[in-house]
PDB file of all heavy atoms in Angstrom:
ATOM      1  N   ASP A   1    -105.730 208.184  77.161  1.00  0.00           N
ATOM      2  CA  ASP A   1    -104.615 207.286  77.500  1.00  0.00           C
ATOM      3  C   ASP A   1    -103.398 208.181  77.787  1.00  0.00           C
ATOM      4  O   ASP A   1    -102.744 208.666  76.874  1.00  0.00           O
ATOM      5  CB  ASP A   1    -104.325 206.317  76.376  1.00  0.00           C
ATOM      6  CG  ASP A   1    -103.277 205.286  76.700  1.00  0.00           C
ATOM      7  OD1 ASP A   1    -102.715 205.380  77.806  1.00  0.00           O
ATOM      8  OD2 ASP A   1    -103.020 204.440  75.845  1.00  0.00           O
ATOM      9  N   THR A   2    -103.068 208.340  79.079  1.00  0.00           N
ATOM     10  CA  THR A   2    -102.003 209.276  79.456  1.00  0.00           C
ATOM     11  C   THR A   2    -100.623 208.752  78.992  1.00  0.00           C
ATOM     12  O   THR A   2     -99.680 209.544  78.908  1.00  0.00           O
ATOM     13  CB  THR A   2    -101.983 209.497  80.984  1.00  0.00           C
ATOM     14  OG1 THR A   2    -101.899 208.227  81.661  1.00  0.00           O
ATOM     15  CG2 THR A   2    -103.226 210.226  81.415  1.00  0.00           C
ATOM     16  N   THR A   3    -100.489 207.457  78.699  1.00  0.00           N
ATOM     17  CA  THR A   3     -99.196 206.998  78.163  1.00  0.00           C
ATOM     18  C   THR A   3     -98.978 207.377  76.713  1.00  0.00           C
ATOM     19  O   THR A   3     -97.874 207.258  76.214  1.00  0.00           O
ATOM     20  CB  THR A   3     -99.124 205.438  78.271  1.00  0.00           C
ATOM     21  OG1 THR A   3    -100.164 204.862  77.498  1.00  0.00           O
ATOM     22  CG2 THR A   3     -99.241 204.986  79.709  1.00  0.00           C
ATOM     23  N   ASN A   4    -100.048 207.908  76.049  1.00  0.00           N
ATOM     24  CA  ASN A   4     -99.934 208.391  74.671  1.00  0.00           C
ATOM     25  C   ASN A   4     -99.991 209.889  74.589  1.00  0.00           C
ATOM     26  O   ASN A   4    -100.316 210.457  73.514  1.00  0.00           O
ATOM     27  CB  ASN A   4    -101.016 207.772  73.818  1.00  0.00           C
ATOM     28  CG  ASN A   4    -100.753 206.308  73.499  1.00  0.00           C
ATOM     29  OD1 ASN A   4     -99.607 205.920  73.375  1.00  0.00           O
ATOM     30  ND2 ASN A   4    -101.751 205.524  73.321  1.00  0.00           N
ATOM     31  N   GLY A   5     -99.687 210.620  75.643  1.00  0.00           N
ATOM     32  CA  GLY A   5     -99.544 212.043  75.570  1.00  0.00           C
ATOM     33  C   GLY A   5    -100.724 212.895  76.090  1.00  0.00           C
ATOM     34  O   GLY A   5    -100.628 214.130  76.054  1.00  0.00           O
ATOM     35  N   TYR A   6    -101.787 212.276  76.501  1.00  0.00           N
ATOM     36  CA  TYR A   6    -102.859 213.091  77.065  1.00  0.00           C
ATOM     37  C   TYR A   6    -102.486 213.625  78.444  1.00  0.00           C
ATOM     38  O   TYR A   6    -101.899 212.884  79.215  1.00  0.00           O
ATOM     39  CB  TYR A   6    -104.145 212.228  77.187  1.00  0.00           C
ATOM     40  CG  TYR A   6    -104.768 211.958  75.833  1.00  0.00           C
ATOM     41  CD1 TYR A   6    -104.462 210.787  75.180  1.00  0.00           C
ATOM     42  CD2 TYR A   6    -105.570 212.889  75.212  1.00  0.00           C
ATOM     43  CE1 TYR A   6    -105.003 210.523  73.927  1.00  0.00           C
ATOM     44  CE2 TYR A   6    -106.138 212.633  73.993  1.00  0.00           C
ATOM     45  CZ  TYR A   6    -105.824 211.438  73.332  1.00  0.00           C
ATOM     46  OH  TYR A   6    -106.380 211.182  72.123  1.00  0.00           O
ATOM     47  N   PRO A   7    -102.777 214.889  78.704  1.00  0.00           N
ATOM     48  CA  PRO A   7    -102.325 215.493  79.936  1.00  0.00           C
ATOM     49  C   PRO A   7    -103.065 214.961  81.171  1.00  0.00           C
ATOM     50  O   PRO A   7    -102.546 214.967  82.278  1.00  0.00           O
ATOM     51  CB  PRO A   7    -102.640 216.972  79.778  1.00  0.00           C
ATOM     52  CG  PRO A   7    -103.720 217.016  78.790  1.00  0.00           C
ATOM     53  CD  PRO A   7    -103.489 215.842  77.864  1.00  0.00           C
ATOM     54  N   GLU A   8    -104.262 214.444  80.977  1.00  0.00           N
ATOM     55  CA  GLU A   8    -105.007 213.870  82.076  1.00  0.00           C
ATOM     56  C   GLU A   8    -105.877 212.708  81.562  1.00  0.00           C
ATOM     57  O   GLU A   8    -106.286 212.687  80.408  1.00  0.00           O
ATOM     58  CB  GLU A   8    -105.855 214.932  82.786  1.00  0.00           C
ATOM     59  CG  GLU A   8    -106.901 215.552  81.870  1.00  0.00           C
ATOM     60  CD  GLU A   8    -107.660 216.732  82.572  1.00  0.00           C
ATOM     61  OE1 GLU A   8    -107.068 217.808  82.646  1.00  0.00           O
ATOM     62  OE2 GLU A   8    -108.779 216.487  82.980  1.00  0.00           O
ATOM     63  N   LYS A   9    -106.139 211.786  82.456  1.00  0.00           N
ATOM     64  CA  LYS A   9    -106.979 210.662  82.080  1.00  0.00           C
ATOM     65  C   LYS A   9    -108.396 211.115  81.867  1.00  0.00           C
ATOM     66  O   LYS A   9    -108.819 212.174  82.305  1.00  0.00           O
ATOM     67  CB  LYS A   9    -106.961 209.559  83.142  1.00  0.00           C
ATOM     68  CG  LYS A   9    -107.598 209.899  84.448  1.00  0.00           C
ATOM     69  CD  LYS A   9    -107.546 208.785  85.405  1.00  0.00           C
ATOM     70  CE  LYS A   9    -108.302 209.153  86.682  1.00  0.00           C
ATOM     71  NZ  LYS A   9    -108.469 208.040  87.566  1.00  0.00           N
ATOM     72  N   LEU A  10    -109.139 210.323  81.125  1.00  0.00           N
ATOM     73  CA  LEU A  10    -110.533 210.627  80.839  1.00  0.00           C
ATOM     74  C   LEU A  10    -111.354 210.252  82.090  1.00  0.00           C
ATOM     75  O   LEU A  10    -111.581 209.095  82.363  1.00  0.00           O
ATOM     76  CB  LEU A  10    -111.038 209.830  79.660  1.00  0.00           C
ATOM     77  CG  LEU A  10    -112.477 210.073  79.218  1.00  0.00           C
ATOM     78  CD1 LEU A  10    -112.705 211.549  78.918  1.00  0.00           C
ATOM     79  CD2 LEU A  10    -112.780 209.228  77.982  1.00  0.00           C
ATOM     80  N   ALA A  11    -111.712 211.254  82.868  1.00  0.00           N
ATOM     81  CA  ALA A  11    -112.439 211.027  84.118  1.00  0.00           C
ATOM     82  C   ALA A  11    -113.810 211.635  84.083  1.00  0.00           C
ATOM     83  O   ALA A  11    -114.435 211.840  85.136  1.00  0.00           O
ATOM     84  CB  ALA A  11    -111.636 211.592  85.267  1.00  0.00           C
ATOM     85  N   TYR A  12    -114.307 211.967  82.914  1.00  0.00           N
ATOM     86  CA  TYR A  12    -115.633 212.562  82.786  1.00  0.00           C
ATOM     87  C   TYR A  12    -116.714 211.543  83.027  1.00  0.00           C
ATOM     88  O   TYR A  12    -116.669 210.412  82.487  1.00  0.00           O
ATOM     89  CB  TYR A  12    -115.793 213.217  81.401  1.00  0.00           C
ATOM     90  CG  TYR A  12    -117.174 213.809  81.254  1.00  0.00           C
ATOM     91  CD1 TYR A  12    -117.541 214.926  81.949  1.00  0.00           C
ATOM     92  CD2 TYR A  12    -118.100 213.203  80.428  1.00  0.00           C
ATOM     93  CE1 TYR A  12    -118.798 215.471  81.810  1.00  0.00           C
ATOM     94  CE2 TYR A  12    -119.374 213.731  80.287  1.00  0.00           C
ATOM     95  CZ  TYR A  12    -119.706 214.855  80.978  1.00  0.00           C
ATOM     96  OH  TYR A  12    -120.954 215.377  80.852  1.00  0.00           O
ATOM     97  N   ASP A  13    -117.716 211.868  83.854  1.00  0.00           N
ATOM     98  CA  ASP A  13    -118.829 210.983  84.115  1.00  0.00           C
ATOM     99  C   ASP A  13    -119.943 211.286  83.053  1.00  0.00           C
ATOM    100  O   ASP A  13    -120.605 212.281  83.156  1.00  0.00           O
ATOM    101  CB  ASP A  13    -119.372 211.228  85.523  1.00  0.00           C
ATOM    102  CG  ASP A  13    -120.543 210.281  85.861  1.00  0.00           C
ATOM    103  OD1 ASP A  13    -120.909 209.456  85.016  1.00  0.00           O
ATOM    104  OD2 ASP A  13    -121.035 210.409  86.999  1.00  0.00           O
ATOM    105  N   PHE A  14    -120.057 210.393  82.075  1.00  0.00           N
ATOM    106  CA  PHE A  14    -120.960 210.622  80.968  1.00  0.00           C
ATOM    107  C   PHE A  14    -122.406 210.582  81.385  1.00  0.00           C
ATOM    108  O   PHE A  14    -123.291 210.975  80.612  1.00  0.00           O
ATOM    109  CB  PHE A  14    -120.678 209.584  79.845  1.00  0.00           C
ATOM    110  CG  PHE A  14    -119.395 209.865  79.130  1.00  0.00           C
ATOM    111  CD1 PHE A  14    -118.241 209.281  79.533  1.00  0.00           C
ATOM    112  CD2 PHE A  14    -119.368 210.732  78.058  1.00  0.00           C
ATOM    113  CE1 PHE A  14    -117.040 209.534  78.893  1.00  0.00           C
ATOM    114  CE2 PHE A  14    -118.202 210.980  77.381  1.00  0.00           C
ATOM    115  CZ  PHE A  14    -117.029 210.391  77.806  1.00  0.00           C
ATOM    116  N   SER A  15    -122.736 210.117  82.569  1.00  0.00           N
ATOM    117  CA  SER A  15    -124.130 210.041  83.009  1.00  0.00           C
ATOM    118  C   SER A  15    -124.599 211.408  83.477  1.00  0.00           C
ATOM    119  O   SER A  15    -125.828 211.566  83.729  1.00  0.00           O
ATOM    120  CB  SER A  15    -124.294 208.968  84.088  1.00  0.00           C
ATOM    121  OG  SER A  15    -123.620 209.363  85.261  1.00  0.00           O
ATOM    122  N   THR A  16    -123.771 212.420  83.565  1.00  0.00           N
ATOM    123  CA  THR A  16    -124.173 213.724  84.102  1.00  0.00           C
ATOM    124  C   THR A  16    -124.832 214.596  82.983  1.00  0.00           C
ATOM    125  O   THR A  16    -125.509 215.532  83.321  1.00  0.00           O
ATOM    126  CB  THR A  16    -123.000 214.511  84.706  1.00  0.00           C
ATOM    127  OG1 THR A  16    -121.995 214.650  83.696  1.00  0.00           O
ATOM    128  CG2 THR A  16    -122.403 213.775  85.871  1.00  0.00           C
ATOM    129  N   ASN A  17    -124.651 214.270  81.741  1.00  0.00           N
ATOM    130  CA  ASN A  17    -125.238 214.998  80.616  1.00  0.00           C
ATOM    131  C   ASN A  17    -125.812 213.988  79.639  1.00  0.00           C
ATOM    132  O   ASN A  17    -125.217 212.980  79.359  1.00  0.00           O
ATOM    133  CB  ASN A  17    -124.235 215.878  79.869  1.00  0.00           C
ATOM    134  CG  ASN A  17    -123.880 217.148  80.609  1.00  0.00           C
ATOM    135  OD1 ASN A  17    -124.707 217.732  81.225  1.00  0.00           O
ATOM    136  ND2 ASN A  17    -122.620 217.486  80.571  1.00  0.00           N
ATOM    137  N   SER A  18    -126.984 214.313  79.097  1.00  0.00           N
ATOM    138  CA  SER A  18    -127.579 213.416  78.125  1.00  0.00           C
ATOM    139  C   SER A  18    -126.925 213.595  76.722  1.00  0.00           C
ATOM    140  O   SER A  18    -126.934 212.648  75.944  1.00  0.00           O
ATOM    141  CB  SER A  18    -129.094 213.607  78.020  1.00  0.00           C
ATOM    142  OG  SER A  18    -129.373 214.971  77.632  1.00  0.00           O
ATOM    143  N   ASP A  19    -126.408 214.740  76.432  1.00  0.00           N
ATOM    144  CA  ASP A  19    -125.769 214.994  75.150  1.00  0.00           C
ATOM    145  C   ASP A  19    -124.374 215.573  75.386  1.00  0.00           C
ATOM    146  O   ASP A  19    -124.232 216.624  76.037  1.00  0.00           O
ATOM    147  CB  ASP A  19    -126.580 216.002  74.323  1.00  0.00           C
ATOM    148  CG  ASP A  19    -127.972 215.489  73.989  1.00  0.00           C
ATOM    149  OD1 ASP A  19    -128.061 214.301  73.602  1.00  0.00           O
ATOM    150  OD2 ASP A  19    -128.934 216.292  74.011  1.00  0.00           O
ATOM    151  N   VAL A  20    -123.359 214.909  74.845  1.00  0.00           N
ATOM    152  CA  VAL A  20    -122.011 215.405  74.846  1.00  0.00           C
ATOM    153  C   VAL A  20    -121.434 215.261  73.441  1.00  0.00           C
ATOM    154  O   VAL A  20    -121.914 214.432  72.669  1.00  0.00           O
ATOM    155  CB  VAL A  20    -121.108 214.686  75.896  1.00  0.00           C
ATOM    156  CG1 VAL A  20    -121.545 214.989  77.288  1.00  0.00           C
ATOM    157  CG2 VAL A  20    -121.043 213.231  75.646  1.00  0.00           C
ATOM    158  N   TYR A  21    -120.488 216.090  73.129  1.00  0.00           N
ATOM    159  CA  TYR A  21    -119.955 216.144  71.751  1.00  0.00           C
ATOM    160  C   TYR A  21    -118.441 216.103  71.753  1.00  0.00           C
ATOM    161  O   TYR A  21    -117.797 216.804  72.544  1.00  0.00           O
ATOM    162  CB  TYR A  21    -120.427 217.447  71.059  1.00  0.00           C
ATOM    163  CG  TYR A  21    -121.945 217.553  71.076  1.00  0.00           C
ATOM    164  CD1 TYR A  21    -122.583 218.149  72.135  1.00  0.00           C
ATOM    165  CD2 TYR A  21    -122.689 217.018  70.050  1.00  0.00           C
ATOM    166  CE1 TYR A  21    -123.982 218.207  72.180  1.00  0.00           C
ATOM    167  CE2 TYR A  21    -124.053 217.069  70.063  1.00  0.00           C
ATOM    168  CZ  TYR A  21    -124.718 217.701  71.136  1.00  0.00           C
ATOM    169  OH  TYR A  21    -126.084 217.752  71.159  1.00  0.00           O
ATOM    170  N   LEU A  22    -117.898 215.286  70.899  1.00  0.00           N
ATOM    171  CA  LEU A  22    -116.471 215.126  70.779  1.00  0.00           C
ATOM    172  C   LEU A  22    -115.988 216.121  69.696  1.00  0.00           C
ATOM    173  O   LEU A  22    -116.418 216.077  68.556  1.00  0.00           O
ATOM    174  CB  LEU A  22    -116.080 213.692  70.335  1.00  0.00           C
ATOM    175  CG  LEU A  22    -114.600 213.464  70.152  1.00  0.00           C
ATOM    176  CD1 LEU A  22    -113.856 213.589  71.492  1.00  0.00           C
ATOM    177  CD2 LEU A  22    -114.382 212.025  69.608  1.00  0.00           C
ATOM    178  N   GLN A  23    -115.073 216.993  70.126  1.00  0.00           N
ATOM    179  CA  GLN A  23    -114.460 217.924  69.145  1.00  0.00           C
ATOM    180  C   GLN A  23    -113.117 217.342  68.752  1.00  0.00           C
ATOM    181  O   GLN A  23    -112.301 217.001  69.592  1.00  0.00           O
ATOM    182  CB  GLN A  23    -114.267 219.326  69.790  1.00  0.00           C
ATOM    183  CG  GLN A  23    -113.613 220.323  68.836  1.00  0.00           C
ATOM    184  CD  GLN A  23    -113.613 221.722  69.418  1.00  0.00           C
ATOM    185  OE1 GLN A  23    -114.678 222.252  69.740  1.00  0.00           O
ATOM    186  NE2 GLN A  23    -112.449 222.288  69.526  1.00  0.00           N
ATOM    187  N   VAL A  24    -112.898 217.238  67.459  1.00  0.00           N
ATOM    188  CA  VAL A  24    -111.639 216.707  66.904  1.00  0.00           C
ATOM    189  C   VAL A  24    -110.999 217.779  66.100  1.00  0.00           C
ATOM    190  O   VAL A  24    -111.594 218.267  65.130  1.00  0.00           O
ATOM    191  CB  VAL A  24    -111.882 215.429  66.050  1.00  0.00           C
ATOM    192  CG1 VAL A  24    -110.567 214.888  65.514  1.00  0.00           C
ATOM    193  CG2 VAL A  24    -112.649 214.365  66.790  1.00  0.00           C
TER     194      VAL A  24
END
């Protein structure tokens, strides 16, 4: 959500990889 300080919107296409991981 770019209105909350993210530099870019989330535009990643999740269908391109079967496994993705969120780093917090």
